[in-house]
Amino acid sequence: ADAAFRIHLVLHDLEEPYKEVFQLRVFGELSFTQIASIFRKTESWARVTYHRAKQMIVKQMEDV
C-alpha cells in the first residue's frame, strides 16, 4: 500500500504525455493501439512513451 501511494505521488508530478499514457495503460488497461488512437500517434509512439514513463517513475522511486 505504501509503494502504491509513493507511485501515485511520483505519477502526480510526471509531465504529459507520459502521465496520461502510463495511466491509460496501467489503470485504464488500454492497449497500445487504443492509446495511440487517442493521441493520434503510432503504436510505436505509445509503446516508447509508456516505457519512458515507467523509467521515469522507477528513477523517481529510487531517489525518494
PDB file of N, CA and C in Angstrom:
ATOM      1  N   ALA A   1       0.845  -1.196   0.000  1.00  0.00           N
ATOM      2  CA  ALA A   1       0.000   0.000   0.000  1.00  0.00           C
ATOM      3  C   ALA A   1       0.877   1.243   0.000  1.00  0.00           C
ATOM      4  N   ASP A   2       1.967   1.209   0.771  1.00  0.00           N
ATOM      5  CA  ASP A   2       2.870   2.355   0.830  1.00  0.00           C
ATOM      6  C   ASP A   2       3.536   2.594  -0.520  1.00  0.00           C
ATOM      7  N   ALA A   3       3.940   1.517  -1.185  1.00  0.00           N
ATOM      8  CA  ALA A   3       4.580   1.646  -2.502  1.00  0.00           C
ATOM      9  C   ALA A   3       3.593   2.208  -3.515  1.00  0.00           C
ATOM     10  N   ALA A   4       2.347   1.766  -3.464  1.00  0.00           N
ATOM     11  CA  ALA A   4       1.327   2.276  -4.389  1.00  0.00           C
ATOM     12  C   ALA A   4       1.116   3.764  -4.169  1.00  0.00           C
ATOM     13  N   PHE A   5       1.094   4.194  -2.922  1.00  0.00           N
ATOM     14  CA  PHE A   5       0.931   5.619  -2.615  1.00  0.00           C
ATOM     15  C   PHE A   5       2.106   6.429  -3.158  1.00  0.00           C
ATOM     16  N   ARG A   6       3.319   5.915  -2.979  1.00  0.00           N
ATOM     17  CA  ARG A   6       4.506   6.612  -3.492  1.00  0.00           C
ATOM     18  C   ARG A   6       4.471   6.701  -5.009  1.00  0.00           C
ATOM     19  N   ILE A   7       4.014   5.641  -5.679  1.00  0.00           N
ATOM     20  CA  ILE A   7       3.894   5.670  -7.137  1.00  0.00           C
ATOM     21  C   ILE A   7       2.916   6.766  -7.558  1.00  0.00           C
ATOM     22  N   HIS A   8       1.803   6.886  -6.839  1.00  0.00           N
ATOM     23  CA  HIS A   8       0.830   7.930  -7.165  1.00  0.00           C
ATOM     24  C   HIS A   8       1.422   9.320  -6.950  1.00  0.00           C
ATOM     25  N   LEU A   9       2.226   9.491  -5.925  1.00  0.00           N
ATOM     26  CA  LEU A   9       2.880  10.783  -5.695  1.00  0.00           C
ATOM     27  C   LEU A   9       3.820  11.135  -6.845  1.00  0.00           C
ATOM     28  N   VAL A  10       4.610  10.159  -7.268  1.00  0.00           N
ATOM     29  CA  VAL A  10       5.540  10.378  -8.386  1.00  0.00           C
ATOM     30  C   VAL A  10       4.761  10.625  -9.668  1.00  0.00           C
ATOM     31  N   LEU A  11       3.728   9.855  -9.879  1.00  0.00           N
ATOM     32  CA  LEU A  11       2.907   9.986 -11.081  1.00  0.00           C
ATOM     33  C   LEU A  11       2.250  11.360 -11.153  1.00  0.00           C
ATOM     34  N   HIS A  12       1.864  11.885 -10.016  1.00  0.00           N
ATOM     35  CA  HIS A  12       1.221  13.205  -9.962  1.00  0.00           C
ATOM     36  C   HIS A  12       2.125  14.289 -10.563  1.00  0.00           C
ATOM     37  N   ASP A  13       3.424  14.165 -10.362  1.00  0.00           N
ATOM     38  CA  ASP A  13       4.375  15.173 -10.845  1.00  0.00           C
ATOM     39  C   ASP A  13       4.935  14.873 -12.230  1.00  0.00           C
ATOM     40  N   LEU A  14       4.555  13.749 -12.812  1.00  0.00           N
ATOM     41  CA  LEU A  14       5.061  13.366 -14.138  1.00  0.00           C
ATOM     42  C   LEU A  14       4.481  14.291 -15.206  1.00  0.00           C
ATOM     43  N   GLU A  15       5.302  14.626 -16.189  1.00  0.00           N
ATOM     44  CA  GLU A  15       4.860  15.506 -17.271  1.00  0.00           C
ATOM     45  C   GLU A  15       3.989  14.754 -18.265  1.00  0.00           C
ATOM     46  N   GLU A  16       3.180  15.516 -18.984  1.00  0.00           N
ATOM     47  CA  GLU A  16       2.389  14.952 -20.080  1.00  0.00           C
ATOM     48  C   GLU A  16       3.307  14.790 -21.283  1.00  0.00           C
ATOM     49  N   PRO A  17       3.112  13.868 -22.176  1.00  0.00           N
ATOM     50  CA  PRO A  17       2.041  12.883 -22.222  1.00  0.00           C
ATOM     51  C   PRO A  17       2.347  11.618 -21.414  1.00  0.00           C
ATOM     52  N   TYR A  18       3.522  11.596 -20.765  1.00  0.00           N
ATOM     53  CA  TYR A  18       3.939  10.391 -20.044  1.00  0.00           C
ATOM     54  C   TYR A  18       2.924   9.988 -18.976  1.00  0.00           C
ATOM     55  N   LYS A  19       2.453  10.977 -18.247  1.00  0.00           N
ATOM     56  CA  LYS A  19       1.496  10.728 -17.173  1.00  0.00           C
ATOM     57  C   LYS A  19       0.224  10.062 -17.702  1.00  0.00           C
ATOM     58  N   GLU A  20      -0.356  10.653 -18.743  1.00  0.00           N
ATOM     59  CA  GLU A  20      -1.621  10.123 -19.256  1.00  0.00           C
ATOM     60  C   GLU A  20      -1.442   8.758 -19.908  1.00  0.00           C
ATOM     61  N   VAL A  21      -0.364   8.578 -20.659  1.00  0.00           N
ATOM     62  CA  VAL A  21      -0.126   7.286 -21.309  1.00  0.00           C
ATOM     63  C   VAL A  21       0.037   6.196 -20.248  1.00  0.00           C
ATOM     64  N   PHE A  22       0.805   6.480 -19.206  1.00  0.00           N
ATOM     65  CA  PHE A  22       1.002   5.495 -18.142  1.00  0.00           C
ATOM     66  C   PHE A  22      -0.330   5.154 -17.473  1.00  0.00           C
ATOM     67  N   GLN A  23      -1.121   6.174 -17.170  1.00  0.00           N
ATOM     68  CA  GLN A  23      -2.409   5.941 -16.514  1.00  0.00           C
ATOM     69  C   GLN A  23      -3.356   5.146 -17.403  1.00  0.00           C
ATOM     70  N   LEU A  24      -3.406   5.486 -18.681  1.00  0.00           N
ATOM     71  CA  LEU A  24      -4.292   4.761 -19.592  1.00  0.00           C
ATOM     72  C   LEU A  24      -3.895   3.295 -19.693  1.00  0.00           C
ATOM     73  N   ARG A  25      -2.596   3.036 -19.715  1.00  0.00           N
ATOM     74  CA  ARG A  25      -2.105   1.670 -19.855  1.00  0.00           C
ATOM     75  C   ARG A  25      -2.315   0.862 -18.570  1.00  0.00           C
ATOM     76  N   VAL A  26      -1.924   1.429 -17.437  1.00  0.00           N
ATOM     77  CA  VAL A  26      -1.945   0.687 -16.177  1.00  0.00           C
ATOM     78  C   VAL A  26      -3.335   0.683 -15.533  1.00  0.00           C
ATOM     79  N   PHE A  27      -3.932   1.848 -15.383  1.00  0.00           N
ATOM     80  CA  PHE A  27      -5.209   1.937 -14.676  1.00  0.00           C
ATOM     81  C   PHE A  27      -6.397   1.756 -15.615  1.00  0.00           C
ATOM     82  N   GLY A  28      -6.252   2.252 -16.853  1.00  0.00           N
ATOM     83  CA  GLY A  28      -7.332   2.109 -17.820  1.00  0.00           C
ATOM     84  C   GLY A  28      -7.298   0.792 -18.565  1.00  0.00           C
ATOM     85  N   GLU A  29      -6.165   0.092 -18.447  1.00  0.00           N
ATOM     86  CA  GLU A  29      -5.958  -1.209 -19.090  1.00  0.00           C
ATOM     87  C   GLU A  29      -6.217  -1.165 -20.596  1.00  0.00           C
ATOM     88  N   LEU A  30      -5.824  -0.055 -21.219  1.00  0.00           N
ATOM     89  CA  LEU A  30      -5.981   0.072 -22.666  1.00  0.00           C
ATOM     90  C   LEU A  30      -4.774  -0.527 -23.384  1.00  0.00           C
ATOM     91  N   SER A  31      -4.998  -0.960 -24.602  1.00  0.00           N
ATOM     92  CA  SER A  31      -3.902  -1.484 -25.418  1.00  0.00           C
ATOM     93  C   SER A  31      -3.095  -0.312 -25.975  1.00  0.00           C
ATOM     94  N   PHE A  32      -1.897  -0.608 -26.451  1.00  0.00           N
ATOM     95  CA  PHE A  32      -1.081   0.434 -27.065  1.00  0.00           C
ATOM     96  C   PHE A  32      -1.757   0.973 -28.321  1.00  0.00           C
ATOM     97  N   THR A  33      -2.469   0.129 -29.023  1.00  0.00           N
ATOM     98  CA  THR A  33      -3.204   0.559 -30.219  1.00  0.00           C
ATOM     99  C   THR A  33      -4.282   1.574 -29.833  1.00  0.00           C
ATOM    100  N   GLN A  34      -4.997   1.310 -28.756  1.00  0.00           N
ATOM    101  CA  GLN A  34      -6.043   2.229 -28.300  1.00  0.00           C
ATOM    102  C   GLN A  34      -5.444   3.556 -27.826  1.00  0.00           C
ATOM    103  N   ILE A  35      -4.342   3.484 -27.095  1.00  0.00           N
ATOM    104  CA  ILE A  35      -3.674   4.698 -26.615  1.00  0.00           C
ATOM    105  C   ILE A  35      -3.189   5.524 -27.799  1.00  0.00           C
ATOM    106  N   ALA A  36      -2.594   4.865 -28.782  1.00  0.00           N
ATOM    107  CA  ALA A  36      -2.117   5.560 -29.977  1.00  0.00           C
ATOM    108  C   ALA A  36      -3.275   6.260 -30.686  1.00  0.00           C
ATOM    109  N   SER A  37      -4.401   5.615 -30.749  1.00  0.00           N
ATOM    110  CA  SER A  37      -5.577   6.188 -31.392  1.00  0.00           C
ATOM    111  C   SER A  37      -6.047   7.444 -30.665  1.00  0.00           C
ATOM    112  N   ILE A  38      -6.043   7.423 -29.348  1.00  0.00           N
ATOM    113  CA  ILE A  38      -6.457   8.587 -28.551  1.00  0.00           C
ATOM    114  C   ILE A  38      -5.577   9.791 -28.860  1.00  0.00           C
ATOM    115  N   PHE A  39      -4.264   9.556 -28.956  1.00  0.00           N
ATOM    116  CA  PHE A  39      -3.312  10.640 -29.183  1.00  0.00           C
ATOM    117  C   PHE A  39      -3.080  10.931 -30.671  1.00  0.00           C
ATOM    118  N   ARG A  40      -3.693  10.109 -31.531  1.00  0.00           N
ATOM    119  CA  ARG A  40      -3.498  10.216 -32.984  1.00  0.00           C
ATOM    120  C   ARG A  40      -2.012  10.081 -33.344  1.00  0.00           C
ATOM    121  N   LYS A  41      -1.405   9.070 -32.721  1.00  0.00           N
ATOM    122  CA  LYS A  41       0.011   8.752 -32.953  1.00  0.00           C
ATOM    123  C   LYS A  41       0.106   7.280 -33.350  1.00  0.00           C
ATOM    124  N   THR A  42       1.345   6.819 -33.532  1.00  0.00           N
ATOM    125  CA  THR A  42       1.550   5.417 -33.890  1.00  0.00           C
ATOM    126  C   THR A  42       1.589   4.551 -32.632  1.00  0.00           C
ATOM    127  N   GLU A  43       1.415   3.252 -32.839  1.00  0.00           N
ATOM    128  CA  GLU A  43       1.514   2.313 -31.728  1.00  0.00           C
ATOM    129  C   GLU A  43       2.927   2.334 -31.141  1.00  0.00           C
ATOM    130  N   SER A  44       3.922   2.489 -32.005  1.00  0.00           N
ATOM    131  CA  SER A  44       5.315   2.563 -31.533  1.00  0.00           C
ATOM    132  C   SER A  44       5.497   3.754 -30.593  1.00  0.00           C
ATOM    133  N   TRP A  45       4.897   4.885 -30.938  1.00  0.00           N
ATOM    134  CA  TRP A  45       4.983   6.073 -30.089  1.00  0.00           C
ATOM    135  C   TRP A  45       4.397   5.767 -28.710  1.00  0.00           C
ATOM    136  N   ALA A  46       3.249   5.103 -28.689  1.00  0.00           N
ATOM    137  CA  ALA A  46       2.596   4.772 -27.426  1.00  0.00           C
ATOM    138  C   ALA A  46       3.478   3.852 -26.586  1.00  0.00           C
ATOM    139  N   ARG A  47       4.090   2.857 -27.226  1.00  0.00           N
ATOM    140  CA  ARG A  47       4.966   1.930 -26.505  1.00  0.00           C
ATOM    141  C   ARG A  47       6.191   2.637 -25.928  1.00  0.00           C
ATOM    142  N   VAL A  48       6.820   3.470 -26.738  1.00  0.00           N
ATOM    143  CA  VAL A  48       8.023   4.193 -26.300  1.00  0.00           C
ATOM    144  C   VAL A  48       7.681   5.169 -25.175  1.00  0.00           C
ATOM    145  N   THR A  49       6.577   5.881 -25.324  1.00  0.00           N
ATOM    146  CA  THR A  49       6.169   6.849 -24.309  1.00  0.00           C
ATOM    147  C   THR A  49       5.875   6.149 -22.988  1.00  0.00           C
ATOM    148  N   TYR A  50       5.191   5.009 -23.039  1.00  0.00           N
ATOM    149  CA  TYR A  50       4.905   4.236 -21.830  1.00  0.00           C
ATOM    150  C   TYR A  50       6.214   3.751 -21.184  1.00  0.00           C
ATOM    151  N   HIS A  51       7.106   3.231 -22.000  1.00  0.00           N
ATOM    152  CA  HIS A  51       8.381   2.727 -21.484  1.00  0.00           C
ATOM    153  C   HIS A  51       9.174   3.846 -20.811  1.00  0.00           C
ATOM    154  N   ARG A  52       9.205   5.011 -21.434  1.00  0.00           N
ATOM    155  CA  ARG A  52       9.930   6.152 -20.847  1.00  0.00           C
ATOM    156  C   ARG A  52       9.270   6.607 -19.548  1.00  0.00           C
ATOM    157  N   ALA A  53       7.944   6.611 -19.524  1.00  0.00           N
ATOM    158  CA  ALA A  53       7.226   6.995 -18.299  1.00  0.00           C
ATOM    159  C   ALA A  53       7.569   6.041 -17.166  1.00  0.00           C
ATOM    160  N   LYS A  54       7.591   4.752 -17.488  1.00  0.00           N
ATOM    161  CA  LYS A  54       7.921   3.743 -16.477  1.00  0.00           C
ATOM    162  C   LYS A  54       9.341   3.956 -15.951  1.00  0.00           C
ATOM    163  N   GLN A  55      10.275   4.256 -16.853  1.00  0.00           N
ATOM    164  CA  GLN A  55      11.657   4.513 -16.441  1.00  0.00           C
ATOM    165  C   GLN A  55      11.732   5.733 -15.523  1.00  0.00           C
ATOM    166  N   MET A  56      10.990   6.783 -15.852  1.00  0.00           N
ATOM    167  CA  MET A  56      10.984   7.999 -15.028  1.00  0.00           C
ATOM    168  C   MET A  56      10.438   7.704 -13.628  1.00  0.00           C
ATOM    169  N   ILE A  57       9.386   6.900 -13.572  1.00  0.00           N
ATOM    170  CA  ILE A  57       8.785   6.556 -12.279  1.00  0.00           C
ATOM    171  C   ILE A  57       9.764   5.744 -11.436  1.00  0.00           C
ATOM    172  N   VAL A  58      10.401   4.765 -12.039  1.00  0.00           N
ATOM    173  CA  VAL A  58      11.389   3.938 -11.311  1.00  0.00           C
ATOM    174  C   VAL A  58      12.524   4.816 -10.784  1.00  0.00           C
ATOM    175  N   LYS A  59      13.019   5.730 -11.624  1.00  0.00           N
ATOM    176  CA  LYS A  59      14.114   6.592 -11.210  1.00  0.00           C
ATOM    177  C   LYS A  59      13.684   7.485 -10.035  1.00  0.00           C
ATOM    178  N   GLN A  60      12.494   8.058 -10.122  1.00  0.00           N
ATOM    179  CA  GLN A  60      11.999   8.902  -9.037  1.00  0.00           C
ATOM    180  C   GLN A  60      11.794   8.098  -7.739  1.00  0.00           C
ATOM    181  N   MET A  61      11.357   6.852  -7.886  1.00  0.00           N
ATOM    182  CA  MET A  61      11.145   5.994  -6.717  1.00  0.00           C
ATOM    183  C   MET A  61      12.482   5.684  -6.041  1.00  0.00           C
ATOM    184  N   GLU A  62      13.525   5.531  -6.849  1.00  0.00           N
ATOM    185  CA  GLU A  62      14.852   5.265  -6.290  1.00  0.00           C
ATOM    186  C   GLU A  62      15.396   6.479  -5.565  1.00  0.00           C
ATOM    187  N   ASP A  63      15.053   7.674  -6.058  1.00  0.00           N
ATOM    188  CA  ASP A  63      15.555   8.923  -5.470  1.00  0.00           C
ATOM    189  C   ASP A  63      14.842   9.301  -4.172  1.00  0.00           C
ATOM    190  N   VAL A  64      13.644   8.734  -3.974  1.00  0.00           N
ATOM    191  CA  VAL A  64      12.849   9.104  -2.796  1.00  0.00           C
ATOM    192  C   VAL A  64      13.278   8.337  -1.571  1.00  0.00           C
TER     193      VAL A  64
END
